[in-house]
């Protein structure tokens, strides 16, 4: 369960970072920094979903 909590905490942290970075770049979702954070968040979410499925 500790690993799940770690995933949840990291996902929450990245969600907040994504919101902040997107706002900083006037919600230009094509900005490289916005894309980088979004992709990192997507990867964690996919990894968490795989862990929950198996």
PDB file of N, CA and C in Angstrom:
ATOM      1  N   UNK A   1       0.822  -1.204   0.000  1.00  0.00           N
ATOM      2  CA  UNK A   1       0.000   0.000   0.000  1.00  0.00           C
ATOM      3  C   UNK A   1       0.861   1.261   0.000  1.00  0.00           C
ATOM      4  N   UNK A   2       2.068   1.155   0.530  1.00  0.00           N
ATOM      5  CA  UNK A   2       2.949   2.321   0.570  1.00  0.00           C
ATOM      6  C   UNK A   2       3.296   2.789  -0.836  1.00  0.00           C
ATOM      7  N   UNK A   3       3.487   1.829  -1.749  1.00  0.00           N
ATOM      8  CA  UNK A   3       3.792   2.198  -3.133  1.00  0.00           C
ATOM      9  C   UNK A   3       2.619   2.943  -3.758  1.00  0.00           C
ATOM     10  N   UNK A   4       1.398   2.505  -3.443  1.00  0.00           N
ATOM     11  CA  UNK A   4       0.201   3.179  -3.964  1.00  0.00           C
ATOM     12  C   UNK A   4       0.144   4.615  -3.464  1.00  0.00           C
ATOM     13  N   UNK A   5       0.428   4.803  -2.197  1.00  0.00           N
ATOM     14  CA  UNK A   5       0.419   6.144  -1.614  1.00  0.00           C
ATOM     15  C   UNK A   5       1.484   7.018  -2.271  1.00  0.00           C
ATOM     16  N   UNK A   6       2.628   6.422  -2.559  1.00  0.00           N
ATOM     17  CA  UNK A   6       3.705   7.154  -3.230  1.00  0.00           C
ATOM     18  C   UNK A   6       3.252   7.595  -4.620  1.00  0.00           C
ATOM     19  N   UNK A   7       2.588   6.690  -5.343  1.00  0.00           N
ATOM     20  CA  UNK A   7       2.047   7.042  -6.660  1.00  0.00           C
ATOM     21  C   UNK A   7       1.042   8.182  -6.536  1.00  0.00           C
ATOM     22  N   UNK A   8       0.126   8.044  -5.589  1.00  0.00           N
ATOM     23  CA  UNK A   8      -0.903   9.072  -5.399  1.00  0.00           C
ATOM     24  C   UNK A   8      -0.281  10.428  -5.095  1.00  0.00           C
ATOM     25  N   UNK A   9       0.708  10.440  -4.221  1.00  0.00           N
ATOM     26  CA  UNK A   9       1.371  11.697  -3.862  1.00  0.00           C
ATOM     27  C   UNK A   9       2.081  12.316  -5.057  1.00  0.00           C
ATOM     28  N   UNK A  10       2.760  11.485  -5.825  1.00  0.00           N
ATOM     29  CA  UNK A  10       3.487  11.994  -6.996  1.00  0.00           C
ATOM     30  C   UNK A  10       2.516  12.484  -8.066  1.00  0.00           C
ATOM     31  N   UNK A  11       1.410  11.778  -8.257  1.00  0.00           N
ATOM     32  CA  UNK A  11       0.399  12.211  -9.225  1.00  0.00           C
ATOM     33  C   UNK A  11      -0.200  13.543  -8.794  1.00  0.00           C
ATOM     34  N   UNK A  12      -0.520  13.676  -7.522  1.00  0.00           N
ATOM     35  CA  UNK A  12      -1.061  14.946  -7.018  1.00  0.00           C
ATOM     36  C   UNK A  12      -0.064  16.086  -7.203  1.00  0.00           C
ATOM     37  N   UNK A  13       1.210  15.794  -6.926  1.00  0.00           N
ATOM     38  CA  UNK A  13       2.247  16.822  -7.081  1.00  0.00           C
ATOM     39  C   UNK A  13       2.345  17.260  -8.543  1.00  0.00           C
ATOM     40  N   UNK A  14       2.321  16.297  -9.463  1.00  0.00           N
ATOM     41  CA  UNK A  14       2.427  16.626 -10.882  1.00  0.00           C
ATOM     42  C   UNK A  14       1.183  17.336 -11.404  1.00  0.00           C
ATOM     43  N   UNK A  15       0.023  17.013 -10.874  1.00  0.00           N
ATOM     44  CA  UNK A  15      -1.201  17.725 -11.269  1.00  0.00           C
ATOM     45  C   UNK A  15      -1.079  19.205 -10.926  1.00  0.00           C
ATOM     46  N   UNK A  16      -0.596  19.477  -9.715  1.00  0.00           N
ATOM     47  CA  UNK A  16      -0.425  20.868  -9.283  1.00  0.00           C
ATOM     48  C   UNK A  16       0.633  21.567 -10.131  1.00  0.00           C
ATOM     49  N   UNK A  17       1.707  20.848 -10.419  1.00  0.00           N
ATOM     50  CA  UNK A  17       2.766  21.424 -11.246  1.00  0.00           C
ATOM     51  C   UNK A  17       2.249  21.710 -12.648  1.00  0.00           C
ATOM     52  N   UNK A  18       1.465  20.795 -13.206  1.00  0.00           N
ATOM     53  CA  UNK A  18       0.904  20.993 -14.543  1.00  0.00           C
ATOM     54  C   UNK A  18       0.015  22.228 -14.570  1.00  0.00           C
ATOM     55  N   UNK A  19      -0.817  22.372 -13.563  1.00  0.00           N
ATOM     56  CA  UNK A  19      -1.688  23.545 -13.492  1.00  0.00           C
ATOM     57  C   UNK A  19      -0.864  24.831 -13.430  1.00  0.00           C
ATOM     58  N   UNK A  20       0.178  24.819 -12.635  1.00  0.00           N
ATOM     59  CA  UNK A  20       1.043  25.989 -12.484  1.00  0.00           C
ATOM     60  C   UNK A  20       1.794  26.317 -13.777  1.00  0.00           C
ATOM     61  N   UNK A  21       2.376  25.298 -14.395  1.00  0.00           N
ATOM     62  CA  UNK A  21       3.145  25.503 -15.629  1.00  0.00           C
ATOM     63  C   UNK A  21       2.221  25.955 -16.761  1.00  0.00           C
ATOM     64  N   UNK A  22       1.037  25.368 -16.840  1.00  0.00           N
ATOM     65  CA  UNK A  22       0.079  25.763 -17.881  1.00  0.00           C
ATOM     66  C   UNK A  22      -0.329  27.222 -17.700  1.00  0.00           C
ATOM     67  N   UNK A  23      -0.605  27.621 -16.474  1.00  0.00           N
ATOM     68  CA  UNK A  23      -0.988  29.013 -16.206  1.00  0.00           C
ATOM     69  C   UNK A  23       0.159  29.957 -16.557  1.00  0.00           C
ATOM     70  N   UNK A  24       1.372  29.563 -16.212  1.00  0.00           N
ATOM     71  CA  UNK A  24       2.556  30.383 -16.496  1.00  0.00           C
ATOM     72  C   UNK A  24       2.692  30.653 -17.993  1.00  0.00           C
ATOM     73  N   UNK A  25       2.303  29.685 -18.797  1.00  0.00           N
ATOM     74  CA  UNK A  25       2.426  29.808 -20.252  1.00  0.00           C
ATOM     75  C   UNK A  25       1.079  30.104 -20.914  1.00  0.00           C
ATOM     76  N   UNK A  26       0.212  30.751 -20.157  1.00  0.00           N
ATOM     77  CA  UNK A  26      -1.093  31.220 -20.654  1.00  0.00           C
ATOM     78  C   UNK A  26      -1.901  30.084 -21.281  1.00  0.00           C
ATOM     79  N   UNK A  27      -1.848  28.932 -20.643  1.00  0.00           N
ATOM     80  CA  UNK A  27      -2.611  27.750 -21.053  1.00  0.00           C
ATOM     81  C   UNK A  27      -2.349  27.352 -22.505  1.00  0.00           C
ATOM     82  N   UNK A  28      -1.093  27.579 -22.927  1.00  0.00           N
ATOM     83  CA  UNK A  28      -0.650  27.099 -24.237  1.00  0.00           C
ATOM     84  C   UNK A  28      -0.227  25.640 -24.055  1.00  0.00           C
ATOM     85  N   UNK A  29      -1.146  24.729 -24.351  1.00  0.00           N
ATOM     86  CA  UNK A  29      -0.896  23.314 -24.098  1.00  0.00           C
ATOM     87  C   UNK A  29       0.096  22.704 -25.078  1.00  0.00           C
ATOM     88  N   UNK A  30       0.587  23.494 -26.000  1.00  0.00           N
ATOM     89  CA  UNK A  30       1.634  23.023 -26.918  1.00  0.00           C
ATOM     90  C   UNK A  30       3.019  23.487 -26.481  1.00  0.00           C
ATOM     91  N   UNK A  31       3.083  24.268 -25.409  1.00  0.00           N
ATOM     92  CA  UNK A  31       4.382  24.733 -24.920  1.00  0.00           C
ATOM     93  C   UNK A  31       5.189  23.521 -24.438  1.00  0.00           C
ATOM     94  N   UNK A  32       6.475  23.457 -24.775  1.00  0.00           N
ATOM     95  CA  UNK A  32       7.296  22.293 -24.415  1.00  0.00           C
ATOM     96  C   UNK A  32       7.293  21.960 -22.923  1.00  0.00           C
ATOM     97  N   UNK A  33       7.297  22.961 -22.066  1.00  0.00           N
ATOM     98  CA  UNK A  33       7.291  22.686 -20.624  1.00  0.00           C
ATOM     99  C   UNK A  33       5.958  22.087 -20.176  1.00  0.00           C
ATOM    100  N   UNK A  34       4.872  22.574 -20.746  1.00  0.00           N
ATOM    101  CA  UNK A  34       3.544  22.038 -20.420  1.00  0.00           C
ATOM    102  C   UNK A  34       3.454  20.590 -20.904  1.00  0.00           C
ATOM    103  N   UNK A  35       3.905  20.352 -22.117  1.00  0.00           N
ATOM    104  CA  UNK A  35       3.882  18.994 -22.666  1.00  0.00           C
ATOM    105  C   UNK A  35       4.731  18.031 -21.841  1.00  0.00           C
ATOM    106  N   UNK A  36       5.890  18.483 -21.402  1.00  0.00           N
ATOM    107  CA  UNK A  36       6.784  17.614 -20.632  1.00  0.00           C
ATOM    108  C   UNK A  36       6.137  17.172 -19.322  1.00  0.00           C
ATOM    109  N   UNK A  37       5.534  18.107 -18.606  1.00  0.00           N
ATOM    110  CA  UNK A  37       4.885  17.760 -17.337  1.00  0.00           C
ATOM    111  C   UNK A  37       3.674  16.866 -17.599  1.00  0.00           C
ATOM    112  N   UNK A  38       2.918  17.189 -18.635  1.00  0.00           N
ATOM    113  CA  UNK A  38       1.732  16.403 -18.974  1.00  0.00           C
ATOM    114  C   UNK A  38       2.108  14.961 -19.322  1.00  0.00           C
ATOM    115  N   UNK A  39       3.164  14.791 -20.085  1.00  0.00           N
ATOM    116  CA  UNK A  39       3.601  13.449 -20.471  1.00  0.00           C
ATOM    117  C   UNK A  39       4.094  12.655 -19.264  1.00  0.00           C
ATOM    118  N   UNK A  40       4.791  13.329 -18.362  1.00  0.00           N
ATOM    119  CA  UNK A  40       5.265  12.663 -17.155  1.00  0.00           C
ATOM    120  C   UNK A  40       4.072  12.209 -16.308  1.00  0.00           C
ATOM    121  N   UNK A  41       3.077  13.084 -16.185  1.00  0.00           N
ATOM    122  CA  UNK A  41       1.865  12.752 -15.440  1.00  0.00           C
ATOM    123  C   UNK A  41       1.129  11.587 -16.106  1.00  0.00           C
ATOM    124  N   UNK A  42       1.000  11.636 -17.416  1.00  0.00           N
ATOM    125  CA  UNK A  42       0.345  10.545 -18.154  1.00  0.00           C
ATOM    126  C   UNK A  42       1.042   9.208 -17.891  1.00  0.00           C
ATOM    127  N   UNK A  43       2.355   9.228 -17.909  1.00  0.00           N
ATOM    128  CA  UNK A  43       3.119   8.003 -17.676  1.00  0.00           C
ATOM    129  C   UNK A  43       2.857   7.410 -16.301  1.00  0.00           C
ATOM    130  N   UNK A  44       2.809   8.270 -15.296  1.00  0.00           N
ATOM    131  CA  UNK A  44       2.529   7.794 -13.942  1.00  0.00           C
ATOM    132  C   UNK A  44       1.121   7.225 -13.820  1.00  0.00           C
ATOM    133  N   UNK A  45       0.164   7.893 -14.450  1.00  0.00           N
ATOM    134  CA  UNK A  45      -1.221   7.421 -14.400  1.00  0.00           C
ATOM    135  C   UNK A  45      -1.338   6.051 -15.068  1.00  0.00           C
ATOM    136  N   UNK A  46      -0.696   5.883 -16.207  1.00  0.00           N
ATOM    137  CA  UNK A  46      -0.723   4.590 -16.908  1.00  0.00           C
ATOM    138  C   UNK A  46      -0.072   3.513 -16.042  1.00  0.00           C
ATOM    139  N   UNK A  47       1.052   3.847 -15.437  1.00  0.00           N
ATOM    140  CA  UNK A  47       1.748   2.890 -14.579  1.00  0.00           C
ATOM    141  C   UNK A  47       0.871   2.492 -13.390  1.00  0.00           C
ATOM    142  N   UNK A  48       0.196   3.460 -12.803  1.00  0.00           N
ATOM    143  CA  UNK A  48      -0.692   3.174 -11.678  1.00  0.00           C
ATOM    144  C   UNK A  48      -1.861   2.284 -12.117  1.00  0.00           C
ATOM    145  N   UNK A  49      -2.408   2.565 -13.286  1.00  0.00           N
ATOM    146  CA  UNK A  49      -3.516   1.752 -13.798  1.00  0.00           C
ATOM    147  C   UNK A  49      -3.067   0.305 -14.042  1.00  0.00           C
ATOM    148  N   UNK A  50      -1.866   0.132 -14.572  1.00  0.00           N
ATOM    149  CA  UNK A  50      -1.339  -1.218 -14.798  1.00  0.00           C
ATOM    150  C   UNK A  50      -1.155  -1.955 -13.475  1.00  0.00           C
ATOM    151  N   UNK A  51      -0.656  -1.244 -12.471  1.00  0.00           N
ATOM    152  CA  UNK A  51      -0.463  -1.861 -11.156  1.00  0.00           C
ATOM    153  C   UNK A  51      -1.796  -2.271 -10.540  1.00  0.00           C
ATOM    154  N   UNK A  52      -2.814  -1.456 -10.729  1.00  0.00           N
ATOM    155  CA  UNK A  52      -4.135  -1.757 -10.169  1.00  0.00           C
ATOM    156  C   UNK A  52      -4.802  -2.918 -10.896  1.00  0.00           C
ATOM    157  N   UNK A  53      -4.504  -3.067 -12.185  1.00  0.00           N
ATOM    158  CA  UNK A  53      -5.123  -4.126 -12.982  1.00  0.00           C
ATOM    159  C   UNK A  53      -4.490  -5.490 -12.695  1.00  0.00           C
ATOM    160  N   UNK A  54      -3.219  -5.471 -12.300  1.00  0.00           N
ATOM    161  CA  UNK A  54      -2.522  -6.746 -12.138  1.00  0.00           C
ATOM    162  C   UNK A  54      -2.320  -7.083 -10.759  1.00  0.00           C
TER     163      UNK A  54
END
